[in-house]
Amino acid sequence: MEFISMLQHPYFVLLGMAAIGGWVFTTWLRVKNGYPLEGSWGQPLKPGTPNEAVERLKLVTQENAQLAAELGALKERVQTLERIATDGGSRLSREIDKLRH
């Protein structure tokens, strides 16, 4: 009986070390990628200022507007390519000739 408990002891130590190592790794990933750190009950360890949140919202809003404009331009290009691909060859050659003259 004593022999079995001696064999199990290193496994419990290794399991505990693996759990602590995983916690350290996930915390490092959060810090590296800019996620806020949280306490054991989910409260932020370093509360941000309201101005910081407003600035971040402004930046996200601007980026959203830029992406929407880019998406609109891409939709127009896809429509043009679809029209070229589905139109007959004679109509396409007439339009190219119009552009040349």
C-alpha atoms as a PDB file:
ATOM      1  CA  MET A   1       0.000   0.000   0.000  1.00  0.00           C
ATOM      2  CA  GLU A   2       2.790   2.370   0.873  1.00  0.00           C
ATOM      3  CA  PHE A   3       4.544   1.550  -2.404  1.00  0.00           C
ATOM      4  CA  ILE A   4       1.488   2.588  -4.474  1.00  0.00           C
ATOM      5  CA  SER A   5       1.188   5.940  -2.702  1.00  0.00           C
ATOM      6  CA  MET A   6       4.885   6.582  -3.391  1.00  0.00           C
ATOM      7  CA  LEU A   7       4.288   5.968  -7.104  1.00  0.00           C
ATOM      8  CA  GLN A   8       1.257   8.273  -7.231  1.00  0.00           C
ATOM      9  CA  HIS A   9       2.995  11.174  -5.521  1.00  0.00           C
ATOM     10  CA  PRO A  10       5.112  12.252  -8.546  1.00  0.00           C
ATOM     11  CA  TYR A  11       2.051  12.170 -10.773  1.00  0.00           C
ATOM     12  CA  PHE A  12       0.201  14.596  -8.513  1.00  0.00           C
ATOM     13  CA  VAL A  13       3.225  16.897  -8.505  1.00  0.00           C
ATOM     14  CA  LEU A  14       3.474  16.731 -12.306  1.00  0.00           C
ATOM     15  CA  LEU A  15      -0.243  17.393 -12.659  1.00  0.00           C
ATOM     16  CA  GLY A  16       0.019  20.428 -10.394  1.00  0.00           C
ATOM     17  CA  MET A  17       3.031  21.738 -12.301  1.00  0.00           C
ATOM     18  CA  ALA A  18       1.223  21.268 -15.616  1.00  0.00           C
ATOM     19  CA  ALA A  19      -1.802  23.205 -14.305  1.00  0.00           C
ATOM     20  CA  ILE A  20       0.370  26.078 -13.090  1.00  0.00           C
ATOM     21  CA  GLY A  21       2.327  26.082 -16.359  1.00  0.00           C
ATOM     22  CA  GLY A  22      -0.915  26.251 -18.342  1.00  0.00           C
ATOM     23  CA  TRP A  23      -2.148  29.159 -16.264  1.00  0.00           C
ATOM     24  CA  VAL A  24       1.126  31.044 -16.789  1.00  0.00           C
ATOM     25  CA  PHE A  25       1.005  30.343 -20.533  1.00  0.00           C
ATOM     26  CA  THR A  26      -2.585  31.566 -20.959  1.00  0.00           C
ATOM     27  CA  THR A  27      -1.824  34.691 -18.924  1.00  0.00           C
ATOM     28  CA  TRP A  28       1.207  35.356 -21.127  1.00  0.00           C
ATOM     29  CA  LEU A  29      -0.954  34.947 -24.261  1.00  0.00           C
ATOM     30  CA  ARG A  30      -3.520  37.389 -22.910  1.00  0.00           C
ATOM     31  CA  VAL A  31      -0.863  40.000 -22.139  1.00  0.00           C
ATOM     32  CA  LYS A  32       0.851  39.455 -25.498  1.00  0.00           C
ATOM     33  CA  ASN A  33      -2.383  39.930 -27.458  1.00  0.00           C
ATOM     34  CA  GLY A  34      -3.630  42.913 -25.462  1.00  0.00           C
ATOM     35  CA  TYR A  35      -6.474  41.300 -23.554  1.00  0.00           C
ATOM     36  CA  PRO A  36      -7.184  42.757 -20.119  1.00  0.00           C
ATOM     37  CA  LEU A  37      -6.170  40.672 -17.143  1.00  0.00           C
ATOM     38  CA  GLU A  38      -8.940  39.571 -14.800  1.00  0.00           C
ATOM     39  CA  GLY A  39      -9.060  38.570 -11.164  1.00  0.00           C
ATOM     40  CA  SER A  40     -10.559  35.357  -9.866  1.00  0.00           C
ATOM     41  CA  TRP A  41     -14.107  36.796 -10.018  1.00  0.00           C
ATOM     42  CA  GLY A  42     -13.746  38.384 -13.455  1.00  0.00           C
ATOM     43  CA  GLN A  43     -13.042  41.929 -12.271  1.00  0.00           C
ATOM     44  CA  PRO A  44     -10.324  43.772 -14.224  1.00  0.00           C
ATOM     45  CA  LEU A  45      -6.989  43.945 -12.440  1.00  0.00           C
ATOM     46  CA  LYS A  46      -6.102  47.216 -14.154  1.00  0.00           C
ATOM     47  CA  PRO A  47      -9.317  49.120 -14.809  1.00  0.00           C
ATOM     48  CA  GLY A  48      -9.187  51.241 -17.944  1.00  0.00           C
ATOM     49  CA  THR A  49     -10.210  54.859 -18.042  1.00  0.00           C
ATOM     50  CA  PRO A  50     -13.474  55.877 -19.733  1.00  0.00           C
ATOM     51  CA  ASN A  51     -11.484  58.046 -22.156  1.00  0.00           C
ATOM     52  CA  GLU A  52      -9.576  54.995 -23.298  1.00  0.00           C
ATOM     53  CA  ALA A  53     -12.824  53.199 -24.107  1.00  0.00           C
ATOM     54  CA  VAL A  54     -14.155  56.215 -26.034  1.00  0.00           C
ATOM     55  CA  GLU A  55     -10.947  56.464 -28.068  1.00  0.00           C
ATOM     56  CA  ARG A  56     -11.035  52.754 -28.836  1.00  0.00           C
ATOM     57  CA  LEU A  57     -14.673  53.073 -29.934  1.00  0.00           C
ATOM     58  CA  LYS A  58     -13.780  55.967 -32.252  1.00  0.00           C
ATOM     59  CA  LEU A  59     -10.964  53.957 -33.817  1.00  0.00           C
ATOM     60  CA  VAL A  60     -13.210  50.934 -34.328  1.00  0.00           C
ATOM     61  CA  THR A  61     -15.918  53.137 -35.873  1.00  0.00           C
ATOM     62  CA  GLN A  62     -13.424  54.686 -38.308  1.00  0.00           C
ATOM     63  CA  GLU A  63     -12.065  51.287 -39.255  1.00  0.00           C
ATOM     64  CA  ASN A  64     -15.617  50.021 -39.782  1.00  0.00           C
ATOM     65  CA  ALA A  65     -16.366  52.916 -42.155  1.00  0.00           C
ATOM     66  CA  GLN A  66     -13.172  52.257 -44.122  1.00  0.00           C
ATOM     67  CA  LEU A  67     -13.958  48.564 -44.410  1.00  0.00           C
ATOM     68  CA  ALA A  68     -17.525  49.304 -45.531  1.00  0.00           C
ATOM     69  CA  ALA A  69     -16.216  51.601 -48.283  1.00  0.00           C
ATOM     70  CA  GLU A  70     -13.721  48.977 -49.390  1.00  0.00           C
ATOM     71  CA  LEU A  71     -16.445  46.332 -49.407  1.00  0.00           C
ATOM     72  CA  GLY A  72     -18.620  48.555 -51.617  1.00  0.00           C
ATOM     73  CA  ALA A  73     -15.785  49.000 -54.102  1.00  0.00           C
ATOM     74  CA  LEU A  74     -15.150  45.256 -54.160  1.00  0.00           C
ATOM     75  CA  LYS A  75     -18.841  44.548 -54.772  1.00  0.00           C
ATOM     76  CA  GLU A  76     -18.790  46.887 -57.792  1.00  0.00           C
ATOM     77  CA  ARG A  77     -15.705  45.132 -59.164  1.00  0.00           C
ATOM     78  CA  VAL A  78     -17.289  41.709 -58.713  1.00  0.00           C
ATOM     79  CA  GLN A  79     -20.449  42.875 -60.490  1.00  0.00           C
ATOM     80  CA  THR A  80     -18.358  44.124 -63.403  1.00  0.00           C
ATOM     81  CA  LEU A  81     -16.437  40.863 -63.587  1.00  0.00           C
ATOM     82  CA  GLU A  82     -19.676  38.875 -63.451  1.00  0.00           C
ATOM     83  CA  ARG A  83     -21.118  40.979 -66.265  1.00  0.00           C
ATOM     84  CA  ILE A  84     -17.992  40.423 -68.381  1.00  0.00           C
ATOM     85  CA  ALA A  85     -18.037  36.692 -67.710  1.00  0.00           C
ATOM     86  CA  THR A  86     -21.740  36.238 -68.514  1.00  0.00           C
ATOM     87  CA  ASP A  87     -22.120  38.664 -71.451  1.00  0.00           C
ATOM     88  CA  GLY A  88     -21.688  37.517 -75.010  1.00  0.00           C
ATOM     89  CA  GLY A  89     -18.349  38.054 -76.716  1.00  0.00           C
ATOM     90  CA  SER A  90     -19.728  40.458 -79.331  1.00  0.00           C
ATOM     91  CA  ARG A  91     -21.063  42.922 -76.763  1.00  0.00           C
ATOM     92  CA  LEU A  92     -17.762  42.919 -74.895  1.00  0.00           C
ATOM     93  CA  SER A  93     -15.771  43.563 -78.071  1.00  0.00           C
ATOM     94  CA  ARG A  94     -18.141  46.453 -78.993  1.00  0.00           C
ATOM     95  CA  GLU A  95     -17.579  48.068 -75.580  1.00  0.00           C
ATOM     96  CA  ILE A  96     -13.804  47.670 -75.908  1.00  0.00           C
ATOM     97  CA  ASP A  97     -13.949  49.271 -79.367  1.00  0.00           C
ATOM     98  CA  LYS A  98     -15.975  52.175 -77.921  1.00  0.00           C
ATOM     99  CA  LEU A  99     -13.325  52.742 -75.308  1.00  0.00           C
ATOM    100  CA  ARG A 100     -10.553  52.736 -77.914  1.00  0.00           C
ATOM    101  CA  HIS A 101     -12.258  55.476 -79.947  1.00  0.00           C
END
